[in-house]
Amino acid sequence: MNTSQINTAVVRTDRRDSTGVDRRDIDLEPRNSSAITLADYVRQAVDLYFAQLRGYDAVGLHALVLNEIEKPLLEAALKHSGYNQTKAAKALGLSRSTLRKKLEHYGLS
């Protein structure tokens, strides 16, 4: 496995575990035909958003996407760090005070 393959995280489209429960499966192995990148998910969601506009102009799309992505990102980082804000901030590449402001903004504090 080369370096680019090691650093590639992929979210599989099949979200069911062995018990049939819908779960997110993060796969750090090389991509396969049933895998899709986070960038692909975002692209698909934005394409769907544009399709649903039915000819109307999009307004504030950048802020909309950032708001939709940032809260679950913060939640996942907190969960991954055992809800330790210092560790979550480090994982996100943020200062602890910036993380705390963002958590407050999203009602996660």
C-alpha atoms as a PDB file:
ATOM      1  CA  MET A   1       0.000   0.000   0.000  1.00  0.00           C
ATOM      2  CA  ASN A   2       1.504   3.357  -0.995  1.00  0.00           C
ATOM      3  CA  THR A   3       1.376   6.592   1.007  1.00  0.00           C
ATOM      4  CA  SER A   4      -1.539   8.101  -0.924  1.00  0.00           C
ATOM      5  CA  GLN A   5      -3.627   5.004  -0.238  1.00  0.00           C
ATOM      6  CA  ILE A   6      -2.881   5.097   3.499  1.00  0.00           C
ATOM      7  CA  ASN A   7      -4.137   8.680   3.904  1.00  0.00           C
ATOM      8  CA  THR A   8      -7.347   8.207   1.910  1.00  0.00           C
ATOM      9  CA  ALA A   9     -10.454   7.816   4.050  1.00  0.00           C
ATOM     10  CA  VAL A  10     -13.515   6.609   2.193  1.00  0.00           C
ATOM     11  CA  VAL A  11     -17.137   6.417   3.292  1.00  0.00           C
ATOM     12  CA  ARG A  12     -18.847   3.310   1.934  1.00  0.00           C
ATOM     13  CA  THR A  13     -22.281   3.605   0.369  1.00  0.00           C
ATOM     14  CA  ASP A  14     -23.429   0.423   2.157  1.00  0.00           C
ATOM     15  CA  ARG A  15     -24.230   1.631   5.673  1.00  0.00           C
ATOM     16  CA  ARG A  16     -25.688  -1.542   7.218  1.00  0.00           C
ATOM     17  CA  ASP A  17     -23.712  -3.647   9.657  1.00  0.00           C
ATOM     18  CA  SER A  18     -24.109  -7.397  10.202  1.00  0.00           C
ATOM     19  CA  THR A  19     -27.253  -6.810  12.277  1.00  0.00           C
ATOM     20  CA  GLY A  20     -28.851  -4.705   9.547  1.00  0.00           C
ATOM     21  CA  VAL A  21     -28.456  -1.475  11.509  1.00  0.00           C
ATOM     22  CA  ASP A  22     -27.732   1.571   9.341  1.00  0.00           C
ATOM     23  CA  ARG A  23     -24.225   2.752  10.236  1.00  0.00           C
ATOM     24  CA  ARG A  24     -21.445   4.810   8.686  1.00  0.00           C
ATOM     25  CA  ASP A  25     -18.480   2.675   7.736  1.00  0.00           C
ATOM     26  CA  ILE A  26     -15.150   4.442   7.421  1.00  0.00           C
ATOM     27  CA  ASP A  27     -12.739   2.400   5.333  1.00  0.00           C
ATOM     28  CA  LEU A  28      -9.043   3.271   5.309  1.00  0.00           C
ATOM     29  CA  GLU A  29      -8.256   0.641   2.712  1.00  0.00           C
ATOM     30  CA  PRO A  30      -7.781   1.496  -0.981  1.00  0.00           C
ATOM     31  CA  ARG A  31     -10.960   2.537  -2.751  1.00  0.00           C
ATOM     32  CA  ASN A  32     -13.185  -0.079  -4.305  1.00  0.00           C
ATOM     33  CA  SER A  33     -16.239   0.048  -6.542  1.00  0.00           C
ATOM     34  CA  SER A  34     -18.701   0.372  -3.603  1.00  0.00           C
ATOM     35  CA  ALA A  35     -16.853   3.322  -2.002  1.00  0.00           C
ATOM     36  CA  ILE A  36     -17.444   7.041  -2.385  1.00  0.00           C
ATOM     37  CA  THR A  37     -15.330   9.931  -1.103  1.00  0.00           C
ATOM     38  CA  LEU A  38     -16.611  12.728   1.106  1.00  0.00           C
ATOM     39  CA  ALA A  39     -15.988  15.132  -1.786  1.00  0.00           C
ATOM     40  CA  ASP A  40     -18.232  12.977  -3.984  1.00  0.00           C
ATOM     41  CA  TYR A  41     -20.991  13.073  -1.344  1.00  0.00           C
ATOM     42  CA  VAL A  42     -20.768  16.857  -1.161  1.00  0.00           C
ATOM     43  CA  ARG A  43     -20.785  17.150  -4.955  1.00  0.00           C
ATOM     44  CA  GLN A  44     -23.874  14.912  -5.182  1.00  0.00           C
ATOM     45  CA  ALA A  45     -25.670  16.880  -2.454  1.00  0.00           C
ATOM     46  CA  VAL A  46     -24.907  20.205  -4.148  1.00  0.00           C
ATOM     47  CA  ASP A  47     -26.028  18.838  -7.529  1.00  0.00           C
ATOM     48  CA  LEU A  48     -29.279  17.682  -5.897  1.00  0.00           C
ATOM     49  CA  TYR A  49     -29.702  21.125  -4.294  1.00  0.00           C
ATOM     50  CA  PHE A  50     -29.304  22.802  -7.699  1.00  0.00           C
ATOM     51  CA  ALA A  51     -31.777  20.366  -9.267  1.00  0.00           C
ATOM     52  CA  GLN A  52     -34.330  21.152  -6.557  1.00  0.00           C
ATOM     53  CA  LEU A  53     -34.048  24.877  -7.268  1.00  0.00           C
ATOM     54  CA  ARG A  54     -35.857  24.294 -10.585  1.00  0.00           C
ATOM     55  CA  GLY A  55     -34.378  27.325 -12.277  1.00  0.00           C
ATOM     56  CA  TYR A  56     -34.271  29.674  -9.301  1.00  0.00           C
ATOM     57  CA  ASP A  57     -30.964  31.323  -8.445  1.00  0.00           C
ATOM     58  CA  ALA A  58     -28.878  29.869  -5.630  1.00  0.00           C
ATOM     59  CA  VAL A  59     -28.047  32.391  -2.902  1.00  0.00           C
ATOM     60  CA  GLY A  60     -25.543  31.949  -0.072  1.00  0.00           C
ATOM     61  CA  LEU A  61     -24.557  28.429  -1.087  1.00  0.00           C
ATOM     62  CA  HIS A  62     -21.076  28.636   0.430  1.00  0.00           C
ATOM     63  CA  ALA A  63     -22.419  29.547   3.887  1.00  0.00           C
ATOM     64  CA  LEU A  64     -25.181  26.941   3.572  1.00  0.00           C
ATOM     65  CA  VAL A  65     -22.731  24.131   2.805  1.00  0.00           C
ATOM     66  CA  LEU A  66     -20.306  25.172   5.546  1.00  0.00           C
ATOM     67  CA  ASN A  67     -23.114  25.298   8.117  1.00  0.00           C
ATOM     68  CA  GLU A  68     -24.393  21.873   7.047  1.00  0.00           C
ATOM     69  CA  ILE A  69     -20.935  20.297   7.228  1.00  0.00           C
ATOM     70  CA  GLU A  70     -19.375  22.020  10.227  1.00  0.00           C
ATOM     71  CA  LYS A  71     -21.798  20.892  12.955  1.00  0.00           C
ATOM     72  CA  PRO A  72     -21.569  17.147  12.212  1.00  0.00           C
ATOM     73  CA  LEU A  73     -17.792  17.544  11.794  1.00  0.00           C
ATOM     74  CA  LEU A  74     -17.538  19.055  15.267  1.00  0.00           C
ATOM     75  CA  GLU A  75     -19.810  16.352  16.698  1.00  0.00           C
ATOM     76  CA  ALA A  76     -17.725  13.581  15.134  1.00  0.00           C
ATOM     77  CA  ALA A  77     -14.435  15.097  16.339  1.00  0.00           C
ATOM     78  CA  LEU A  78     -15.801  15.418  19.865  1.00  0.00           C
ATOM     79  CA  LYS A  79     -17.057  11.836  19.878  1.00  0.00           C
ATOM     80  CA  HIS A  80     -13.742  10.566  18.463  1.00  0.00           C
ATOM     81  CA  SER A  81     -11.816  12.430  21.186  1.00  0.00           C
ATOM     82  CA  GLY A  82     -14.010  11.116  24.003  1.00  0.00           C
ATOM     83  CA  TYR A  83     -15.585  14.591  24.274  1.00  0.00           C
ATOM     84  CA  ASN A  84     -12.214  16.071  25.252  1.00  0.00           C
ATOM     85  CA  GLN A  85     -12.266  19.549  23.696  1.00  0.00           C
ATOM     86  CA  THR A  86      -8.476  19.927  23.707  1.00  0.00           C
ATOM     87  CA  LYS A  87      -8.044  16.675  21.763  1.00  0.00           C
ATOM     88  CA  ALA A  88     -10.922  17.514  19.415  1.00  0.00           C
ATOM     89  CA  ALA A  89      -9.451  20.962  18.723  1.00  0.00           C
ATOM     90  CA  LYS A  90      -6.073  19.397  17.937  1.00  0.00           C
ATOM     91  CA  ALA A  91      -7.678  16.840  15.602  1.00  0.00           C
ATOM     92  CA  LEU A  92      -9.530  19.634  13.785  1.00  0.00           C
ATOM     93  CA  GLY A  93      -6.499  21.920  13.621  1.00  0.00           C
ATOM     94  CA  LEU A  94      -8.260  24.607  15.651  1.00  0.00           C
ATOM     95  CA  SER A  95      -7.383  26.393  18.862  1.00  0.00           C
ATOM     96  CA  ARG A  96      -9.419  25.289  21.858  1.00  0.00           C
ATOM     97  CA  SER A  97     -11.002  28.739  22.139  1.00  0.00           C
ATOM     98  CA  THR A  98     -12.062  28.666  18.474  1.00  0.00           C
ATOM     99  CA  LEU A  99     -13.565  25.217  18.983  1.00  0.00           C
ATOM    100  CA  ARG A 100     -15.458  26.431  22.058  1.00  0.00           C
ATOM    101  CA  LYS A 101     -16.888  29.387  20.070  1.00  0.00           C
ATOM    102  CA  LYS A 102     -18.004  27.058  17.290  1.00  0.00           C
ATOM    103  CA  LEU A 103     -19.564  24.630  19.770  1.00  0.00           C
ATOM    104  CA  GLU A 104     -21.482  27.488  21.350  1.00  0.00           C
ATOM    105  CA  HIS A 105     -22.576  28.734  17.911  1.00  0.00           C
ATOM    106  CA  TYR A 106     -24.068  25.317  17.079  1.00  0.00           C
ATOM    107  CA  GLY A 107     -25.524  24.730  20.555  1.00  0.00           C
ATOM    108  CA  LEU A 108     -23.108  21.904  21.287  1.00  0.00           C
ATOM    109  CA  SER A 109     -21.495  23.331  24.424  1.00  0.00           C
END
